[in-house]
Amino acid sequence: MMKIVKFTAFLLILTGVVLSCERLNQTPTANVQYIRTELGGCNIKSEQKGGDDEMKNDTVIIAVSDDSVRIFVGLKYVCMSIPFGTQCEIIDDVITIHIIDNCTEDPGSCYAKCMCYYTFDFVFKYLGDIKQKYKILLIDPRKENPDVIAEGVIKK
């Protein structure tokens, strides 16, 4: 019975991750549109796992150009056997980014005893002026509530 519950939970999370960034909850007047997420660092299997001393700290960098916004997130996190998922929502004037730890199995089966640096590059396009709030959340299944990695306002 427990395996069925875990499998169902995994399928729900996977379905949400796949579909969530494809559809946006935008108001008709929103001038920001989600384009894609580029995964890097330890999200790529070929990337080397590093020791704590070699690792960068958690990082958020926002770059605004003529018609695009890139939100780069670097996250120091326990080594995992599966990549993170992402979910992007734009509701009214708030971009909410969810970085999702997809480990729904026994933690011993997907976490290793090391730390790794995972990167995410969220790409958006916009029209006109930009003054957009953002919030970046880490969904850790081992915790009851999400961690807020960063929040603020994007301005050009």
Protein backbone atom coordinates (compact mmCIF):
# COMPACT_ATOMS: atom_id res chain seq x y z
CA MET A 1 0.00 0.00 0.00
CA MET A 2 2.83 2.41 0.88
CA LYS A 3 4.50 1.77 -2.49
CA ILE A 4 1.26 2.68 -4.28
CA VAL A 5 1.02 5.95 -2.34
CA LYS A 6 4.68 6.80 -3.08
CA PHE A 7 4.28 5.91 -6.75
CA THR A 8 1.10 8.01 -7.01
CA ALA A 9 2.82 10.96 -5.31
CA PHE A 10 5.80 10.64 -7.67
CA LEU A 11 3.51 10.61 -10.73
CA LEU A 12 1.63 13.67 -9.50
CA ILE A 13 4.85 15.60 -8.93
CA LEU A 14 6.28 14.53 -12.28
CA THR A 15 3.08 15.49 -14.10
CA GLY A 16 3.04 18.86 -12.36
CA VAL A 17 6.66 19.54 -13.24
CA VAL A 18 6.21 18.64 -16.89
CA LEU A 19 3.04 20.64 -17.37
CA SER A 20 3.58 23.57 -15.04
CA CYS A 21 6.19 25.53 -16.95
CA GLU A 22 4.31 24.99 -20.19
CA ARG A 23 1.21 26.80 -19.04
CA LEU A 24 1.20 30.15 -17.36
CA ASN A 25 -1.37 31.66 -15.05
CA GLN A 26 -1.13 35.19 -16.41
CA THR A 27 -3.51 38.08 -16.43
CA PRO A 28 -4.24 39.33 -19.95
CA THR A 29 -2.25 42.53 -19.24
CA ALA A 30 0.88 40.76 -17.99
CA ASN A 31 3.92 41.84 -19.98
CA VAL A 32 6.21 38.99 -18.88
CA GLN A 33 6.15 35.55 -20.50
CA TYR A 34 8.03 32.43 -19.42
CA ILE A 35 10.23 30.95 -22.19
CA ARG A 36 12.29 28.09 -20.72
CA THR A 37 14.48 26.79 -17.92
CA GLU A 38 18.02 25.65 -18.59
CA LEU A 39 19.32 23.16 -16.02
CA GLY A 40 23.04 22.99 -15.28
CA GLY A 41 25.57 22.09 -12.64
CA CYS A 42 24.72 18.85 -10.88
CA ASN A 43 21.38 18.65 -12.71
CA ILE A 44 23.50 17.28 -15.54
CA LYS A 45 24.72 13.76 -14.82
CA SER A 46 28.17 14.37 -16.30
CA GLU A 47 28.85 17.26 -13.92
CA GLN A 48 31.41 16.47 -11.21
CA LYS A 49 30.33 16.42 -7.59
CA GLY A 50 32.52 18.68 -5.47
CA GLY A 51 33.43 18.84 -1.82
CA ASP A 52 32.09 21.51 0.54
CA ASP A 53 35.26 23.64 0.29
CA GLU A 54 35.06 23.78 -3.50
CA MET A 55 31.41 24.81 -3.60
CA LYS A 56 29.87 28.20 -4.22
CA ASN A 57 27.20 29.62 -1.96
CA ASP A 58 23.54 29.84 -3.00
CA THR A 59 23.30 32.51 -5.70
CA VAL A 60 20.57 34.50 -7.45
CA ILE A 61 21.51 36.76 -10.36
CA ILE A 62 18.93 38.72 -12.35
CA ALA A 63 19.91 40.07 -15.76
CA VAL A 64 17.57 42.35 -17.71
CA SER A 65 18.30 43.06 -21.38
CA ASP A 66 16.32 44.79 -24.12
CA ASP A 67 13.46 42.30 -24.18
CA SER A 68 14.41 39.44 -21.86
CA VAL A 69 14.93 38.66 -18.20
CA ARG A 70 17.16 35.83 -16.99
CA ILE A 71 16.95 34.65 -13.41
CA PHE A 72 19.96 32.50 -12.60
CA VAL A 73 19.78 30.41 -9.42
CA GLY A 74 22.74 28.45 -8.09
CA LEU A 75 21.89 26.13 -5.23
CA LYS A 76 24.24 24.20 -2.95
CA TYR A 77 22.28 21.07 -2.04
CA VAL A 78 22.77 17.44 -1.08
CA CYS A 79 23.78 15.19 -4.00
CA MET A 80 20.77 13.49 -5.58
CA SER A 81 20.38 10.64 -8.05
CA ILE A 82 17.54 12.46 -9.87
CA PRO A 83 17.46 16.03 -11.23
CA PHE A 84 15.36 18.81 -9.75
CA GLY A 85 12.06 19.81 -11.28
CA THR A 86 10.95 23.39 -11.83
CA GLN A 87 7.62 25.14 -11.96
CA CYS A 88 7.00 28.73 -13.05
CA GLU A 89 3.88 30.80 -12.47
CA ILE A 90 3.14 34.39 -13.35
CA ILE A 91 0.10 35.64 -11.52
CA ASP A 92 -0.68 39.35 -11.71
CA ASP A 93 2.66 41.07 -11.10
CA VAL A 94 4.47 38.18 -9.35
CA ILE A 95 6.74 35.56 -10.91
CA THR A 96 6.85 32.54 -8.60
CA ILE A 97 9.55 29.98 -9.31
CA HIS A 98 9.46 26.58 -7.61
CA ILE A 99 12.62 24.48 -7.55
CA ILE A 100 11.43 21.00 -6.63
CA ASP A 101 13.41 18.19 -5.00
CA ASN A 102 11.82 15.19 -6.73
CA CYS A 103 12.97 12.61 -4.17
CA THR A 104 9.73 10.89 -3.19
CA GLU A 105 11.32 7.56 -2.37
CA ASP A 106 13.20 6.60 0.76
CA PRO A 107 15.83 9.37 1.24
CA GLY A 108 18.58 6.75 1.34
CA SER A 109 17.74 5.76 -2.24
CA CYS A 110 18.16 9.17 -3.83
CA TYR A 111 20.45 11.24 -1.58
CA ALA A 112 24.21 10.72 -1.34
CA LYS A 113 26.59 11.84 1.40
CA CYS A 114 27.99 14.82 -0.50
CA MET A 115 27.04 18.35 -1.53
CA CYS A 116 26.65 19.56 -5.08
CA TYR A 117 26.03 22.87 -6.89
CA TYR A 118 22.87 22.81 -9.02
CA THR A 119 22.11 25.63 -11.46
CA PHE A 120 18.90 26.87 -13.04
CA ASP A 121 18.59 29.61 -15.66
CA PHE A 122 14.99 30.80 -15.98
CA VAL A 123 14.39 32.79 -19.17
CA PHE A 124 11.50 35.21 -19.67
CA LYS A 125 10.65 37.81 -22.30
CA TYR A 126 8.85 41.05 -21.66
CA LEU A 127 7.33 43.98 -23.52
CA GLY A 128 7.63 47.61 -22.49
CA ASP A 129 8.82 48.58 -19.04
CA ILE A 130 9.38 45.99 -16.38
CA LYS A 131 8.63 46.24 -12.69
CA GLN A 132 7.92 42.67 -11.72
CA LYS A 133 7.95 41.04 -8.30
CA TYR A 134 9.56 37.62 -8.00
CA LYS A 135 9.77 34.85 -5.43
CA ILE A 136 11.96 31.75 -5.65
CA LEU A 137 10.99 28.76 -3.50
CA LEU A 138 12.77 25.48 -2.79
CA ILE A 139 10.39 22.54 -2.29
CA ASP A 140 12.16 19.98 -0.09
CA PRO A 141 10.02 16.88 0.64
CA ARG A 142 11.85 16.48 3.95
CA LYS A 143 10.43 19.81 5.15
CA GLU A 144 6.86 20.80 5.86
CA ASN A 145 7.09 24.25 4.22
CA PRO A 146 9.04 25.55 1.23
CA ASP A 147 12.22 27.57 1.79
CA VAL A 148 12.29 31.06 0.29
CA ILE A 149 15.56 31.34 -1.60
CA ALA A 150 15.00 34.94 -2.70
CA GLU A 151 12.32 37.52 -3.37
CA GLY A 152 12.29 41.07 -4.61
CA VAL A 153 11.44 43.29 -7.57
CA ILE A 154 12.89 43.19 -11.08
CA LYS A 155 13.28 46.68 -12.54
CA LYS A 156 14.93 48.05 -15.64
